[in-house]
Amino acid sequence: MKNEAQDDELRFQFGKNWQRFLRLLNEERINEAERSLNQVFPEDHLPGRTFLDIGSGSGLFSLAAMRLGTAKVHSFDFDQQSVECTHELKKRFYPDNHSWIVEKGDILDLDYIKKLGKWDIVYSYGVLHHTGNMWQALDNVACLVEPGGTLFLAIYNDQGRPSRIWARVKKMYNRMPRNLRFIILFPAFVILWWPIFREDLIAGRPFHTWLTYPKNRGMSPWEDVVDWVGGYPFEYAKPEKIFSFLHERGFQLEYLVTADSGGSTNNQYTFSLPDQG
């Protein structure tokens, strides 16, 4: 039976924000994405390797992987508008390059997963917790990593009561008529940004955080607020649960950046899959 959280009417369409983002794309943002990848993978780790981008969104990080020398990139997303965004980036920068494949796909679709094969690098930033079945998605992702390969994930941290409250807010937001969603969006904006504005003001640098907002994920501050409030389905997990789940499947944790670092709500994991051969 289909879970209510997976109903299309309760699924936030991230692609609409990504389409707006494409108008802001420039060389600076692409370079920031490349630097972001190099923070996760050493510069000599990407050239010549295969790269699977699960939930490619705008396609920015698939593009960055291509520019950093990967041998093959495969981008897929459940959201059709996100697929179109990634197609647009490929058209702009690698129109005739057959080593970059872009298509619509669902990480929960086992038939689709079986066709993908194994990859040296499997990358999924902020995606699996929006599928409606995060643990099944994580299990499917684990099957896609080549022995000797690397798995990078960013998954929402379980913050206890705040996470449960945000889950209810997000569900309510997606149930509301679009012309009334501002009733939730603007109070959420104040809750998220007022403490930051206040700290900047006290420090004598008004709006500093807003004006210097990181570009390595591609979004603007406002679009990130919309993404956060609308992001449903919504799941989360403590780091130890993610670690235990993947450890049982043969993975070793190489690096962890917790949600407390830099104000992010994602925990970022880098796992390796030892080659037993």
Protein backbone atom coordinates (compact mmCIF):
# COMPACT_ATOMS: atom_id res chain seq x y z
CA MET A 1 0.00 0.00 0.00
CA LYS A 2 1.37 3.43 -0.92
CA ASN A 3 2.53 5.47 2.05
CA GLU A 4 0.79 8.82 2.42
CA ALA A 5 4.17 10.55 2.51
CA GLN A 6 4.82 9.25 -1.00
CA ASP A 7 1.64 10.70 -2.53
CA ASP A 8 2.53 13.06 -5.37
CA GLU A 9 0.39 15.84 -3.92
CA LEU A 10 2.56 15.80 -0.78
CA ARG A 11 5.87 15.67 -2.62
CA PHE A 12 7.70 18.98 -2.89
CA GLN A 13 8.83 19.81 -6.42
CA PHE A 14 12.46 20.78 -5.93
CA GLY A 15 12.95 21.22 -9.66
CA LYS A 16 11.07 24.54 -9.72
CA ASN A 17 13.71 26.09 -7.47
CA TRP A 18 16.50 24.53 -9.52
CA GLN A 19 15.09 26.03 -12.71
CA ARG A 20 15.26 29.48 -11.11
CA PHE A 21 18.80 28.72 -9.99
CA LEU A 22 19.98 28.11 -13.56
CA ARG A 23 19.46 31.80 -14.26
CA LEU A 24 22.03 32.57 -11.54
CA LEU A 25 24.62 30.02 -12.62
CA ASN A 26 28.03 31.46 -13.37
CA GLU A 27 31.66 30.41 -13.33
CA GLU A 28 32.03 31.38 -9.66
CA ARG A 29 29.28 28.97 -8.60
CA ILE A 30 30.73 26.18 -10.74
CA ASN A 31 34.16 26.72 -9.20
CA GLU A 32 32.62 26.63 -5.74
CA ALA A 33 31.00 23.28 -6.58
CA GLU A 34 34.35 21.95 -7.78
CA ARG A 35 36.01 23.06 -4.55
CA SER A 36 33.21 21.43 -2.58
CA LEU A 37 33.82 18.10 -4.34
CA ASN A 38 37.56 18.40 -3.76
CA GLN A 39 36.90 18.86 -0.04
CA VAL A 40 35.24 15.42 -0.08
CA PHE A 41 37.46 13.71 -2.65
CA PRO A 42 41.19 14.46 -3.05
CA GLU A 43 42.08 15.94 -6.43
CA ASP A 44 43.62 12.67 -7.60
CA HIS A 45 40.53 10.66 -6.55
CA LEU A 46 38.14 11.79 -9.30
CA PRO A 47 40.07 11.66 -12.62
CA GLY A 48 39.38 8.50 -14.57
CA ARG A 49 36.68 7.24 -12.20
CA THR A 50 32.98 6.69 -12.72
CA PHE A 51 30.56 8.97 -10.86
CA LEU A 52 26.89 8.29 -10.09
CA ASP A 53 24.91 11.37 -9.01
CA ILE A 54 21.70 10.25 -7.26
CA GLY A 55 19.17 13.06 -7.15
CA SER A 56 21.16 15.39 -9.39
CA GLY A 57 18.90 18.43 -8.85
CA SER A 58 20.31 21.27 -10.94
CA GLY A 59 23.09 19.04 -12.26
CA LEU A 60 25.73 21.37 -10.82
CA PHE A 61 27.71 18.63 -9.09
CA SER A 62 27.52 16.33 -12.09
CA LEU A 63 28.96 19.19 -14.11
CA ALA A 64 31.68 19.73 -11.49
CA ALA A 65 32.56 16.02 -11.59
CA MET A 66 32.88 16.16 -15.37
CA ARG A 67 35.15 19.20 -15.18
CA LEU A 68 37.31 17.49 -12.56
CA GLY A 69 38.12 14.66 -14.94
CA THR A 70 35.80 11.77 -14.17
CA ALA A 71 35.63 9.15 -16.89
CA LYS A 72 31.86 8.77 -16.82
CA VAL A 73 28.98 10.54 -15.07
CA HIS A 74 25.43 9.27 -14.72
CA SER A 75 22.86 11.72 -13.31
CA PHE A 76 19.31 10.84 -12.40
CA ASP A 77 16.48 12.40 -10.44
CA PHE A 78 12.88 11.52 -9.57
CA ASP A 79 11.74 15.09 -10.27
CA GLN A 80 11.20 15.77 -13.98
CA GLN A 81 12.03 19.46 -13.71
CA SER A 82 15.30 18.60 -12.00
CA VAL A 83 16.10 16.21 -14.85
CA GLU A 84 15.42 19.03 -17.30
CA CYS A 85 17.77 21.31 -15.34
CA THR A 86 20.56 18.74 -15.51
CA HIS A 87 19.89 18.23 -19.23
CA GLU A 88 20.20 21.99 -19.71
CA LEU A 89 23.62 22.06 -18.01
CA LYS A 90 24.83 19.16 -20.13
CA LYS A 91 23.56 20.95 -23.24
CA ARG A 92 25.43 24.13 -22.26
CA PHE A 93 28.77 22.59 -21.35
CA TYR A 94 29.02 19.02 -22.78
CA PRO A 95 26.45 18.80 -25.60
CA ASP A 96 28.21 16.09 -27.59
CA ASN A 97 29.86 14.17 -24.77
CA HIS A 98 28.38 10.67 -24.43
CA SER A 99 30.21 9.97 -21.17
CA TRP A 100 27.62 12.06 -19.29
CA ILE A 101 24.19 10.45 -19.15
CA VAL A 102 21.14 12.27 -17.75
CA GLU A 103 17.79 10.59 -17.15
CA LYS A 104 14.74 10.34 -14.94
CA GLY A 105 15.02 7.59 -12.34
CA ASP A 106 13.81 6.50 -8.93
CA ILE A 107 16.20 5.17 -6.28
CA LEU A 108 13.31 3.12 -4.89
CA ASP A 109 12.73 1.35 -8.22
CA LEU A 110 14.63 -1.95 -7.97
CA ASP A 111 14.31 -2.70 -11.69
CA TYR A 112 15.92 0.63 -12.49
CA ILE A 113 18.64 0.16 -9.85
CA LYS A 114 19.64 -3.22 -11.27
CA LYS A 115 20.28 -1.62 -14.67
CA LEU A 116 22.72 0.94 -13.28
CA GLY A 117 25.51 -1.48 -12.38
CA LYS A 118 28.40 -0.57 -10.06
CA TRP A 119 30.18 2.79 -9.71
CA ASP A 120 33.51 3.96 -8.33
CA ILE A 121 31.91 6.99 -6.68
CA VAL A 122 28.27 7.16 -5.61
CA TYR A 123 27.21 10.66 -4.57
CA SER A 124 23.88 11.69 -3.03
CA TYR A 125 23.59 15.01 -1.25
CA GLY A 126 20.37 15.71 0.64
CA VAL A 127 18.22 13.32 -1.39
CA LEU A 128 17.50 10.01 0.32
CA HIS A 129 15.63 11.61 3.22
CA HIS A 130 13.12 13.01 0.70
CA THR A 131 12.21 9.70 -0.96
CA GLY A 132 9.49 8.62 1.48
CA ASN A 133 11.44 5.44 2.35
CA MET A 134 14.93 6.50 3.36
CA TRP A 135 16.17 3.15 4.65
CA GLN A 136 15.11 1.27 1.51
CA ALA A 137 16.74 3.99 -0.56
CA LEU A 138 19.92 3.66 1.48
CA ASP A 139 19.91 -0.11 1.00
CA ASN A 140 19.52 0.36 -2.75
CA VAL A 141 22.34 2.92 -2.85
CA ALA A 142 24.68 0.50 -1.07
CA CYS A 143 24.23 -1.98 -3.93
CA LEU A 144 25.55 0.53 -6.46
CA VAL A 145 29.06 0.97 -5.06
CA GLU A 146 31.90 -0.88 -6.74
CA PRO A 147 34.17 -2.81 -4.32
CA GLY A 148 37.03 -0.44 -3.64
CA GLY A 149 34.69 2.48 -4.30
CA THR A 150 33.43 5.45 -2.30
CA LEU A 151 29.96 6.42 -1.10
CA PHE A 152 29.19 10.02 -0.12
CA LEU A 153 25.90 10.89 1.58
CA ALA A 154 24.34 13.94 3.19
CA ILE A 155 21.32 13.05 5.36
CA TYR A 156 19.31 15.12 7.81
CA ASN A 157 20.35 14.77 11.41
CA ASP A 158 17.78 13.57 13.94
CA GLN A 159 17.47 16.59 16.21
CA GLY A 160 14.71 15.07 18.31
CA ARG A 161 11.66 17.24 18.95
CA PRO A 162 12.65 19.99 16.46
CA SER A 163 12.86 17.41 13.66
CA ARG A 164 9.39 16.09 14.50
CA ILE A 165 7.97 19.63 14.58
CA TRP A 166 9.52 20.47 11.20
CA ALA A 167 8.09 17.26 9.75
CA ARG A 168 4.60 18.45 10.69
CA VAL A 169 5.27 21.96 9.34
CA LYS A 170 6.51 20.58 6.02
CA LYS A 171 3.52 18.28 5.66
CA MET A 172 1.14 21.13 6.39
CA TYR A 173 2.92 23.39 3.89
CA ASN A 174 2.57 20.86 1.07
CA ARG A 175 -1.09 20.29 1.85
CA MET A 176 -1.95 23.98 1.61
CA PRO A 177 -3.08 25.69 -1.61
CA ARG A 178 -0.09 27.35 -3.25
CA ASN A 179 -1.50 30.85 -2.85
CA LEU A 180 -1.71 30.37 0.93
CA ARG A 181 1.68 28.80 1.58
CA PHE A 182 3.16 32.17 2.51
CA ILE A 183 1.25 31.80 5.80
CA ILE A 184 3.81 29.15 6.78
CA LEU A 185 6.75 30.32 4.68
CA PHE A 186 7.23 33.80 6.12
CA PRO A 187 7.07 32.83 9.82
CA ALA A 188 9.51 30.01 9.04
CA PHE A 189 11.81 32.50 7.35
CA VAL A 190 11.78 34.68 10.49
CA ILE A 191 12.47 31.66 12.73
CA LEU A 192 15.39 30.53 10.57
CA TRP A 193 17.01 33.88 9.79
CA TRP A 194 16.21 36.29 12.62
CA PRO A 195 18.85 34.79 14.99
CA ILE A 196 21.42 35.10 12.20
CA PHE A 197 20.46 38.70 11.38
CA ARG A 198 20.63 39.55 15.10
CA GLU A 199 24.10 38.04 15.54
CA ASP A 200 25.39 39.89 12.49
CA LEU A 201 23.94 43.15 13.79
CA ILE A 202 25.51 42.68 17.23
CA ALA A 203 28.83 41.93 15.53
CA GLY A 204 28.58 45.22 13.64
CA ARG A 205 28.22 43.63 10.21
CA PRO A 206 24.52 43.83 9.25
CA PHE A 207 23.34 41.17 6.73
CA HIS A 208 26.87 39.77 6.42
CA THR A 209 25.72 36.11 6.41
CA TRP A 210 23.00 36.81 3.86
CA LEU A 211 25.36 38.68 1.55
CA THR A 212 28.15 36.09 1.82
CA TYR A 213 25.88 33.03 1.69
CA PRO A 214 27.84 29.96 0.51
CA LYS A 215 27.45 29.22 -3.19
CA ASN A 216 28.85 25.67 -3.15
CA ARG A 217 25.37 24.08 -3.07
CA GLY A 218 24.11 26.48 -5.71
CA MET A 219 21.04 27.94 -4.02
CA SER A 220 20.33 31.47 -2.79
CA PRO A 221 19.35 32.07 0.87
CA TRP A 222 15.68 32.57 0.01
CA GLU A 223 15.50 29.52 -2.24
CA ASP A 224 17.11 27.46 0.51
CA VAL A 225 14.36 28.57 2.91
CA VAL A 226 11.68 27.52 0.42
CA ASP A 227 13.46 24.21 -0.13
CA TRP A 228 13.74 23.60 3.60
CA VAL A 229 10.12 24.43 4.45
CA GLY A 230 8.74 22.56 1.45
CA GLY A 231 11.09 19.56 1.58
CA TYR A 232 8.67 16.67 2.05
CA PRO A 233 8.75 13.64 2.41
CA PHE A 234 11.11 14.28 5.31
CA GLU A 235 13.13 11.72 7.28
CA TYR A 236 16.22 11.95 9.47
CA ALA A 237 18.65 9.78 11.41
CA LYS A 238 21.32 9.89 14.08
CA PRO A 239 24.85 9.31 12.72
CA GLU A 240 25.20 6.04 14.63
CA LYS A 241 22.15 4.59 12.86
CA ILE A 242 23.54 5.42 9.42
CA PHE A 243 26.94 4.05 10.42
CA SER A 244 25.47 0.80 11.79
CA PHE A 245 23.22 0.30 8.75
CA LEU A 246 26.09 0.61 6.26
CA HIS A 247 28.64 -1.19 8.44
CA GLU A 248 26.39 -4.25 8.27
CA ARG A 249 26.68 -4.02 4.48
CA GLY A 250 30.47 -4.00 4.50
CA PHE A 251 31.16 -0.25 4.44
CA GLN A 252 33.77 1.57 6.49
CA LEU A 253 33.28 5.15 7.64
CA GLU A 254 36.16 7.30 6.42
CA TYR A 255 34.97 10.76 7.39
CA LEU A 256 32.00 12.42 9.10
CA VAL A 257 30.97 16.07 9.20
CA THR A 258 28.18 16.50 11.72
CA ALA A 259 25.23 18.84 11.43
CA ASP A 260 26.71 21.04 14.17
CA SER A 261 29.52 22.05 11.85
CA GLY A 262 28.73 25.22 9.93
CA GLY A 263 25.05 25.31 10.86
CA SER A 264 24.01 22.63 8.37
CA THR A 265 21.11 20.30 9.16
CA ASN A 266 22.81 17.51 7.21
CA ASN A 267 25.34 15.03 8.49
CA GLN A 268 27.84 14.33 5.72
CA TYR A 269 29.31 10.83 5.46
CA THR A 270 32.14 9.44 3.37
CA PHE A 271 32.20 5.62 3.33
CA SER A 272 34.51 3.22 1.53
CA LEU A 273 33.65 -0.28 0.41
CA PRO A 274 36.78 -2.46 0.80
CA ASP A 275 37.67 -4.66 -2.13
CA GLN A 276 37.76 -8.14 -0.66
CA GLY A 277 39.29 -9.57 -3.82
